PDB file of N, CA and C in Angstrom:
ATOM      1  N   UNK A   1     -10.336  -9.332 -34.477  1.00  0.00           N
ATOM      2  CA  UNK A   1      -9.045  -9.956 -34.362  1.00  0.00           C
ATOM      3  C   UNK A   1      -7.921  -8.925 -34.431  1.00  0.00           C
ATOM      4  N   UNK A   2      -8.198  -7.813 -35.063  1.00  0.00           N
ATOM      5  CA  UNK A   2      -7.195  -6.776 -35.179  1.00  0.00           C
ATOM      6  C   UNK A   2      -7.175  -5.822 -33.993  1.00  0.00           C
ATOM      7  N   UNK A   3      -7.997  -6.109 -32.953  1.00  0.00           N
ATOM      8  CA  UNK A   3      -8.036  -5.223 -31.796  1.00  0.00           C
ATOM      9  C   UNK A   3      -6.807  -5.437 -30.922  1.00  0.00           C
ATOM     10  N   UNK A   4      -6.381  -4.363 -30.318  1.00  0.00           N
ATOM     11  CA  UNK A   4      -5.197  -4.399 -29.472  1.00  0.00           C
ATOM     12  C   UNK A   4      -5.632  -4.301 -28.012  1.00  0.00           C
ATOM     13  N   UNK A   5      -5.148  -5.211 -27.186  1.00  0.00           N
ATOM     14  CA  UNK A   5      -5.456  -5.208 -25.765  1.00  0.00           C
ATOM     15  C   UNK A   5      -4.472  -4.292 -25.051  1.00  0.00           C
ATOM     16  N   UNK A   6      -4.982  -3.296 -24.330  1.00  0.00           N
ATOM     17  CA  UNK A   6      -4.137  -2.357 -23.606  1.00  0.00           C
ATOM     18  C   UNK A   6      -4.168  -2.725 -22.133  1.00  0.00           C
ATOM     19  N   UNK A   7      -3.009  -3.146 -21.606  1.00  0.00           N
ATOM     20  CA  UNK A   7      -2.929  -3.540 -20.205  1.00  0.00           C
ATOM     21  C   UNK A   7      -2.674  -2.350 -19.289  1.00  0.00           C
ATOM     22  N   UNK A   8      -1.908  -1.402 -19.760  1.00  0.00           N
ATOM     23  CA  UNK A   8      -1.589  -0.238 -18.947  1.00  0.00           C
ATOM     24  C   UNK A   8      -1.914   1.016 -19.739  1.00  0.00           C
ATOM     25  N   UNK A   9      -2.519   1.953 -19.037  1.00  0.00           N
ATOM     26  CA  UNK A   9      -2.797   3.235 -19.666  1.00  0.00           C
ATOM     27  C   UNK A   9      -1.462   3.934 -19.913  1.00  0.00           C
ATOM     28  N   UNK A  10      -1.302   4.441 -21.102  1.00  0.00           N
ATOM     29  CA  UNK A  10      -0.050   5.120 -21.428  1.00  0.00           C
ATOM     30  C   UNK A  10       0.069   6.400 -20.621  1.00  0.00           C
ATOM     31  N   UNK A  11       1.203   6.587 -20.029  1.00  0.00           N
ATOM     32  CA  UNK A  11       1.442   7.762 -19.182  1.00  0.00           C
ATOM     33  C   UNK A  11       1.781   8.967 -20.034  1.00  0.00           C
ATOM     34  N   UNK A  12       1.119  10.054 -19.710  1.00  0.00           N
ATOM     35  CA  UNK A  12       1.417  11.305 -20.395  1.00  0.00           C
ATOM     36  C   UNK A  12       2.837  11.736 -20.005  1.00  0.00           C
ATOM     37  N   UNK A  13       3.596  12.309 -20.938  1.00  0.00           N
ATOM     38  CA  UNK A  13       4.991  12.669 -20.655  1.00  0.00           C
ATOM     39  C   UNK A  13       5.152  13.641 -19.491  1.00  0.00           C
ATOM     40  N   UNK A  14       4.255  14.560 -19.325  1.00  0.00           N
ATOM     41  CA  UNK A  14       4.383  15.536 -18.249  1.00  0.00           C
ATOM     42  C   UNK A  14       3.156  15.469 -17.348  1.00  0.00           C
ATOM     43  N   UNK A  15       2.920  14.306 -16.789  1.00  0.00           N
ATOM     44  CA  UNK A  15       1.809  14.102 -15.869  1.00  0.00           C
ATOM     45  C   UNK A  15       2.307  14.455 -14.465  1.00  0.00           C
ATOM     46  N   UNK A  16       2.243  15.732 -14.141  1.00  0.00           N
ATOM     47  CA  UNK A  16       2.805  16.201 -12.873  1.00  0.00           C
ATOM     48  C   UNK A  16       2.030  15.676 -11.677  1.00  0.00           C
ATOM     49  N   UNK A  17       0.721  15.464 -11.847  1.00  0.00           N
ATOM     50  CA  UNK A  17      -0.055  14.935 -10.722  1.00  0.00           C
ATOM     51  C   UNK A  17       0.416  13.529 -10.364  1.00  0.00           C
ATOM     52  N   UNK A  18       0.670  12.693 -11.365  1.00  0.00           N
ATOM     53  CA  UNK A  18       1.165  11.341 -11.109  1.00  0.00           C
ATOM     54  C   UNK A  18       2.554  11.393 -10.473  1.00  0.00           C
ATOM     55  N   UNK A  19       3.397  12.291 -10.961  1.00  0.00           N
ATOM     56  CA  UNK A  19       4.723  12.448 -10.361  1.00  0.00           C
ATOM     57  C   UNK A  19       4.624  12.848  -8.896  1.00  0.00           C
ATOM     58  N   UNK A  20       3.732  13.784  -8.591  1.00  0.00           N
ATOM     59  CA  UNK A  20       3.536  14.214  -7.204  1.00  0.00           C
ATOM     60  C   UNK A  20       3.016  13.069  -6.347  1.00  0.00           C
ATOM     61  N   UNK A  21       2.083  12.292  -6.893  1.00  0.00           N
ATOM     62  CA  UNK A  21       1.552  11.146  -6.152  1.00  0.00           C
ATOM     63  C   UNK A  21       2.642  10.124  -5.868  1.00  0.00           C
ATOM     64  N   UNK A  22       3.489   9.858  -6.852  1.00  0.00           N
ATOM     65  CA  UNK A  22       4.573   8.893  -6.653  1.00  0.00           C
ATOM     66  C   UNK A  22       5.584   9.383  -5.622  1.00  0.00           C
ATOM     67  N   UNK A  23       5.869  10.676  -5.644  1.00  0.00           N
ATOM     68  CA  UNK A  23       6.780  11.241  -4.631  1.00  0.00           C
ATOM     69  C   UNK A  23       6.157  11.118  -3.243  1.00  0.00           C
ATOM     70  N   UNK A  24       4.878  11.433  -3.133  1.00  0.00           N
ATOM     71  CA  UNK A  24       4.184  11.329  -1.848  1.00  0.00           C
ATOM     72  C   UNK A  24       4.137   9.876  -1.367  1.00  0.00           C
ATOM     73  N   UNK A  25       3.934   8.963  -2.289  1.00  0.00           N
ATOM     74  CA  UNK A  25       3.902   7.544  -1.950  1.00  0.00           C
ATOM     75  C   UNK A  25       5.253   7.100  -1.403  1.00  0.00           C
ATOM     76  N   UNK A  26       6.324   7.497  -2.060  1.00  0.00           N
ATOM     77  CA  UNK A  26       7.670   7.154  -1.616  1.00  0.00           C
ATOM     78  C   UNK A  26       7.982   7.790  -0.251  1.00  0.00           C
ATOM     79  N   UNK A  27       7.589   9.054  -0.089  1.00  0.00           N
ATOM     80  CA  UNK A  27       7.812   9.757   1.177  1.00  0.00           C
ATOM     81  C   UNK A  27       7.043   9.080   2.319  1.00  0.00           C
ATOM     82  N   UNK A  28       5.812   8.701   2.058  1.00  0.00           N
ATOM     83  CA  UNK A  28       4.995   8.034   3.075  1.00  0.00           C
ATOM     84  C   UNK A  28       5.593   6.687   3.439  1.00  0.00           C
ATOM     85  N   UNK A  29       6.137   5.993   2.457  1.00  0.00           N
ATOM     86  CA  UNK A  29       6.790   4.709   2.727  1.00  0.00           C
ATOM     87  C   UNK A  29       7.970   4.903   3.684  1.00  0.00           C
ATOM     88  N   UNK A  30       8.770   5.937   3.460  1.00  0.00           N
ATOM     89  CA  UNK A  30       9.896   6.218   4.368  1.00  0.00           C
ATOM     90  C   UNK A  30       9.392   6.571   5.763  1.00  0.00           C
ATOM     91  N   UNK A  31       8.297   7.335   5.831  1.00  0.00           N
ATOM     92  CA  UNK A  31       7.731   7.685   7.134  1.00  0.00           C
ATOM     93  C   UNK A  31       7.248   6.443   7.890  1.00  0.00           C
ATOM     94  N   UNK A  32       6.677   5.485   7.171  1.00  0.00           N
ATOM     95  CA  UNK A  32       6.231   4.238   7.806  1.00  0.00           C
ATOM     96  C   UNK A  32       7.429   3.489   8.377  1.00  0.00           C
ATOM     97  N   UNK A  33       8.499   3.395   7.605  1.00  0.00           N
ATOM     98  CA  UNK A  33       9.706   2.716   8.078  1.00  0.00           C
ATOM     99  C   UNK A  33      10.265   3.396   9.325  1.00  0.00           C
ATOM    100  N   UNK A  34      10.286   4.715   9.341  1.00  0.00           N
ATOM    101  CA  UNK A  34      10.788   5.455  10.500  1.00  0.00           C
ATOM    102  C   UNK A  34       9.894   5.241  11.713  1.00  0.00           C
ATOM    103  N   UNK A  35       8.579   5.226  11.496  1.00  0.00           N
ATOM    104  CA  UNK A  35       7.645   4.999  12.608  1.00  0.00           C
ATOM    105  C   UNK A  35       7.823   3.601  13.196  1.00  0.00           C
ATOM    106  N   UNK A  36       8.049   2.612  12.335  1.00  0.00           N
ATOM    107  CA  UNK A  36       8.312   1.253  12.830  1.00  0.00           C
ATOM    108  C   UNK A  36       9.607   1.215  13.640  1.00  0.00           C
ATOM    109  N   UNK A  37      10.628   1.940  13.193  1.00  0.00           N
ATOM    110  CA  UNK A  37      11.883   1.989  13.953  1.00  0.00           C
ATOM    111  C   UNK A  37      11.671   2.611  15.326  1.00  0.00           C
ATOM    112  N   UNK A  38      10.916   3.697  15.377  1.00  0.00           N
ATOM    113  CA  UNK A  38      10.638   4.326  16.681  1.00  0.00           C
ATOM    114  C   UNK A  38       9.827   3.384  17.563  1.00  0.00           C
ATOM    115  N   UNK A  39       8.852   2.698  16.975  1.00  0.00           N
ATOM    116  CA  UNK A  39       8.031   1.742  17.718  1.00  0.00           C
ATOM    117  C   UNK A  39       8.897   0.626  18.309  1.00  0.00           C
ATOM    118  N   UNK A  40       9.832   0.121  17.516  1.00  0.00           N
ATOM    119  CA  UNK A  40      10.675  -0.992  17.968  1.00  0.00           C
ATOM    120  C   UNK A  40      11.562  -0.628  19.151  1.00  0.00           C
ATOM    121  N   UNK A  41      11.873   0.630  19.329  1.00  0.00           N
ATOM    122  CA  UNK A  41      12.758   1.034  20.422  1.00  0.00           C
ATOM    123  C   UNK A  41      12.034   1.753  21.559  1.00  0.00           C
ATOM    124  N   UNK A  42      10.723   1.855  21.463  1.00  0.00           N
ATOM    125  CA  UNK A  42       9.955   2.533  22.513  1.00  0.00           C
ATOM    126  C   UNK A  42       9.723   1.577  23.681  1.00  0.00           C
ATOM    127  N   UNK A  43       9.831   2.114  24.877  1.00  0.00           N
ATOM    128  CA  UNK A  43       9.569   1.284  26.055  1.00  0.00           C
ATOM    129  C   UNK A  43       8.405   1.831  26.885  1.00  0.00           C
ATOM    130  N   UNK A  44       8.111   3.086  26.748  1.00  0.00           N
ATOM    131  CA  UNK A  44       7.018   3.690  27.483  1.00  0.00           C
ATOM    132  C   UNK A  44       5.694   3.303  26.824  1.00  0.00           C
ATOM    133  N   UNK A  45       4.727   2.800  27.593  1.00  0.00           N
ATOM    134  CA  UNK A  45       3.452   2.368  27.015  1.00  0.00           C
ATOM    135  C   UNK A  45       2.722   3.468  26.233  1.00  0.00           C
ATOM    136  N   UNK A  46       2.816   4.707  26.694  1.00  0.00           N
ATOM    137  CA  UNK A  46       2.163   5.803  25.969  1.00  0.00           C
ATOM    138  C   UNK A  46       2.812   6.033  24.606  1.00  0.00           C
ATOM    139  N   UNK A  47       4.143   5.921  24.551  1.00  0.00           N
ATOM    140  CA  UNK A  47       4.823   6.081  23.264  1.00  0.00           C
ATOM    141  C   UNK A  47       4.498   4.924  22.323  1.00  0.00           C
ATOM    142  N   UNK A  48       4.462   3.716  22.861  1.00  0.00           N
ATOM    143  CA  UNK A  48       4.123   2.552  22.046  1.00  0.00           C
ATOM    144  C   UNK A  48       2.745   2.759  21.421  1.00  0.00           C
ATOM    145  N   UNK A  49       1.793   3.183  22.241  1.00  0.00           N
ATOM    146  CA  UNK A  49       0.440   3.411  21.742  1.00  0.00           C
ATOM    147  C   UNK A  49       0.417   4.495  20.668  1.00  0.00           C
ATOM    148  N   UNK A  50       1.168   5.571  20.879  1.00  0.00           N
ATOM    149  CA  UNK A  50       1.181   6.654  19.893  1.00  0.00           C
ATOM    150  C   UNK A  50       1.787   6.189  18.573  1.00  0.00           C
ATOM    151  N   UNK A  51       2.803   5.325  18.629  1.00  0.00           N
ATOM    152  CA  UNK A  51       3.404   4.819  17.400  1.00  0.00           C
ATOM    153  C   UNK A  51       2.460   3.869  16.663  1.00  0.00           C
ATOM    154  N   UNK A  52       1.665   3.110  17.405  1.00  0.00           N
ATOM    155  CA  UNK A  52       0.679   2.237  16.772  1.00  0.00           C
ATOM    156  C   UNK A  52      -0.309   3.086  15.970  1.00  0.00           C
ATOM    157  N   UNK A  53      -0.778   4.173  16.564  1.00  0.00           N
ATOM    158  CA  UNK A  53      -1.708   5.059  15.857  1.00  0.00           C
ATOM    159  C   UNK A  53      -1.035   5.746  14.665  1.00  0.00           C
ATOM    160  N   UNK A  54       0.216   6.136  14.857  1.00  0.00           N
ATOM    161  CA  UNK A  54       0.937   6.795  13.769  1.00  0.00           C
ATOM    162  C   UNK A  54       1.121   5.841  12.586  1.00  0.00           C
ATOM    163  N   UNK A  55       1.511   4.607  12.871  1.00  0.00           N
ATOM    164  CA  UNK A  55       1.705   3.620  11.811  1.00  0.00           C
ATOM    165  C   UNK A  55       0.387   3.350  11.086  1.00  0.00           C
ATOM    166  N   UNK A  56      -0.682   3.213  11.844  1.00  0.00           N
ATOM    167  CA  UNK A  56      -1.989   2.968  11.250  1.00  0.00           C
ATOM    168  C   UNK A  56      -2.394   4.130  10.338  1.00  0.00           C
ATOM    169  N   UNK A  57      -2.186   5.333  10.801  1.00  0.00           N
ATOM    170  CA  UNK A  57      -2.515   6.518  10.022  1.00  0.00           C
ATOM    171  C   UNK A  57      -1.694   6.577   8.733  1.00  0.00           C
ATOM    172  N   UNK A  58      -0.402   6.313   8.833  1.00  0.00           N
ATOM    173  CA  UNK A  58       0.467   6.349   7.660  1.00  0.00           C
ATOM    174  C   UNK A  58       0.094   5.256   6.657  1.00  0.00           C
ATOM    175  N   UNK A  59      -0.294   4.096   7.160  1.00  0.00           N
ATOM    176  CA  UNK A  59      -0.700   3.026   6.248  1.00  0.00           C
ATOM    177  C   UNK A  59      -1.984   3.391   5.505  1.00  0.00           C
ATOM    178  N   UNK A  60      -2.884   4.074   6.188  1.00  0.00           N
ATOM    179  CA  UNK A  60      -4.111   4.549   5.517  1.00  0.00           C
ATOM    180  C   UNK A  60      -3.759   5.549   4.422  1.00  0.00           C
ATOM    181  N   UNK A  61      -2.836   6.463   4.707  1.00  0.00           N
ATOM    182  CA  UNK A  61      -2.411   7.440   3.701  1.00  0.00           C
ATOM    183  C   UNK A  61      -1.734   6.734   2.532  1.00  0.00           C
ATOM    184  N   UNK A  62      -0.882   5.750   2.846  1.00  0.00           N
ATOM    185  CA  UNK A  62      -0.196   4.999   1.793  1.00  0.00           C
ATOM    186  C   UNK A  62      -1.207   4.305   0.881  1.00  0.00           C
ATOM    187  N   UNK A  63      -2.212   3.661   1.471  1.00  0.00           N
ATOM    188  CA  UNK A  63      -3.236   2.969   0.681  1.00  0.00           C
ATOM    189  C   UNK A  63      -4.007   3.942  -0.207  1.00  0.00           C
ATOM    190  N   UNK A  64      -4.329   5.118   0.337  1.00  0.00           N
ATOM    191  CA  UNK A  64      -5.023   6.143  -0.436  1.00  0.00           C
ATOM    192  C   UNK A  64      -4.167   6.573  -1.632  1.00  0.00           C
ATOM    193  N   UNK A  65      -2.899   6.875  -1.374  1.00  0.00           N
ATOM    194  CA  UNK A  65      -2.015   7.323  -2.449  1.00  0.00           C
ATOM    195  C   UNK A  65      -1.829   6.235  -3.499  1.00  0.00           C
ATOM    196  N   UNK A  66      -1.692   4.998  -3.068  1.00  0.00           N
ATOM    197  CA  UNK A  66      -1.528   3.899  -3.998  1.00  0.00           C
ATOM    198  C   UNK A  66      -2.766   3.743  -4.879  1.00  0.00           C
ATOM    199  N   UNK A  67      -3.932   3.878  -4.286  1.00  0.00           N
ATOM    200  CA  UNK A  67      -5.181   3.807  -5.043  1.00  0.00           C
ATOM    201  C   UNK A  67      -5.242   4.931  -6.084  1.00  0.00           C
ATOM    202  N   UNK A  68      -4.829   6.128  -5.677  1.00  0.00           N
ATOM    203  CA  UNK A  68      -4.825   7.273  -6.612  1.00  0.00           C
ATOM    204  C   UNK A  68      -3.841   7.048  -7.757  1.00  0.00           C
ATOM    205  N   UNK A  69      -2.670   6.493  -7.450  1.00  0.00           N
ATOM    206  CA  UNK A  69      -1.680   6.213  -8.490  1.00  0.00           C
ATOM    207  C   UNK A  69      -2.257   5.218  -9.492  1.00  0.00           C
ATOM    208  N   UNK A  70      -2.904   4.182  -8.986  1.00  0.00           N
ATOM    209  CA  UNK A  70      -3.496   3.181  -9.881  1.00  0.00           C
ATOM    210  C   UNK A  70      -4.593   3.798 -10.742  1.00  0.00           C
ATOM    211  N   UNK A  71      -5.391   4.692 -10.163  1.00  0.00           N
ATOM    212  CA  UNK A  71      -6.444   5.375 -10.920  1.00  0.00           C
ATOM    213  C   UNK A  71      -5.864   6.224 -12.052  1.00  0.00           C
ATOM    214  N   UNK A  72      -4.688   6.781 -11.810  1.00  0.00           N
ATOM    215  CA  UNK A  72      -4.045   7.637 -12.811  1.00  0.00           C
ATOM    216  C   UNK A  72      -3.306   6.805 -13.853  1.00  0.00           C
ATOM    217  N   UNK A  73      -3.329   5.481 -13.705  1.00  0.00           N
ATOM    218  CA  UNK A  73      -2.675   4.618 -14.685  1.00  0.00           C
ATOM    219  C   UNK A  73      -1.211   4.406 -14.395  1.00  0.00           C
ATOM    220  N   UNK A  74      -0.804   4.627 -13.185  1.00  0.00           N
ATOM    221  CA  UNK A  74       0.609   4.500 -12.847  1.00  0.00           C
ATOM    222  C   UNK A  74       0.939   3.262 -12.051  1.00  0.00           C
ATOM    223  N   UNK A  75       0.170   2.194 -12.195  1.00  0.00           N
ATOM    224  CA  UNK A  75       0.438   0.997 -11.405  1.00  0.00           C
ATOM    225  C   UNK A  75       1.808   0.411 -11.731  1.00  0.00           C
ATOM    226  N   UNK A  76       2.239   0.517 -12.977  1.00  0.00           N
ATOM    227  CA  UNK A  76       3.564   0.017 -13.342  1.00  0.00           C
ATOM    228  C   UNK A  76       4.637   0.870 -12.678  1.00  0.00           C
ATOM    229  N   UNK A  77       4.408   2.176 -12.595  1.00  0.00           N
ATOM    230  CA  UNK A  77       5.378   3.061 -11.949  1.00  0.00           C
ATOM    231  C   UNK A  77       5.424   2.823 -10.453  1.00  0.00           C
ATOM    232  N   UNK A  78       4.285   2.518  -9.840  1.00  0.00           N
ATOM    233  CA  UNK A  78       4.243   2.273  -8.400  1.00  0.00           C
ATOM    234  C   UNK A  78       4.999   1.005  -8.033  1.00  0.00           C
ATOM    235  N   UNK A  79       5.051   0.053  -8.965  1.00  0.00           N
ATOM    236  CA  UNK A  79       5.774  -1.187  -8.696  1.00  0.00           C
ATOM    237  C   UNK A  79       7.250  -0.946  -8.525  1.00  0.00           C
ATOM    238  N   UNK A  80       7.770   0.148  -9.044  1.00  0.00           N
ATOM    239  CA  UNK A  80       9.193   0.410  -8.978  1.00  0.00           C
ATOM    240  C   UNK A  80       9.622   0.956  -7.620  1.00  0.00           C
ATOM    241  N   UNK A  81       8.662   1.289  -6.753  1.00  0.00           N
ATOM    242  CA  UNK A  81       9.022   1.792  -5.444  1.00  0.00           C
ATOM    243  C   UNK A  81       9.689   0.666  -4.655  1.00  0.00           C
ATOM    244  N   UNK A  82      10.826   0.932  -4.044  1.00  0.00           N
ATOM    245  CA  UNK A  82      11.551  -0.124  -3.335  1.00  0.00           C
ATOM    246  C   UNK A  82      10.783  -0.612  -2.112  1.00  0.00           C
ATOM    247  N   UNK A  83      10.782  -1.932  -1.921  1.00  0.00           N
ATOM    248  CA  UNK A  83      10.199  -2.511  -0.719  1.00  0.00           C
ATOM    249  C   UNK A  83       8.704  -2.697  -0.744  1.00  0.00           C
ATOM    250  N   UNK A  84       8.045  -2.313  -1.791  1.00  0.00           N
ATOM    251  CA  UNK A  84       6.584  -2.438  -1.866  1.00  0.00           C
ATOM    252  C   UNK A  84       6.202  -3.164  -3.129  1.00  0.00           C
ATOM    253  N   UNK A  85       5.221  -4.037  -3.008  1.00  0.00           N
ATOM    254  CA  UNK A  85       4.698  -4.717  -4.186  1.00  0.00           C
ATOM    255  C   UNK A  85       3.259  -4.274  -4.385  1.00  0.00           C
ATOM    256  N   UNK A  86       2.876  -4.129  -5.613  1.00  0.00           N
ATOM    257  CA  UNK A  86       1.519  -3.717  -5.941  1.00  0.00           C
ATOM    258  C   UNK A  86       0.724  -4.938  -6.341  1.00  0.00           C
TER     259      UNK A  86
END
């Protein structure tokens, strides 16, 4: 009865790897938004196709980074990224 349930792993004060992952996650999110903007204004079929592949690739990277952040115990920190829900 005296046991304490821990929902989130406590973040180390100077966890530089988690900080780097969060920066990369935020950067990748901006890249996805930019790729969608380019896709929305493309009219050439070859460019449209290239943007589809670019968006798919960026989403795979985003998912990888998000998984790594969660593994490092930073799921609460990842929730603070604008425009994305975990």
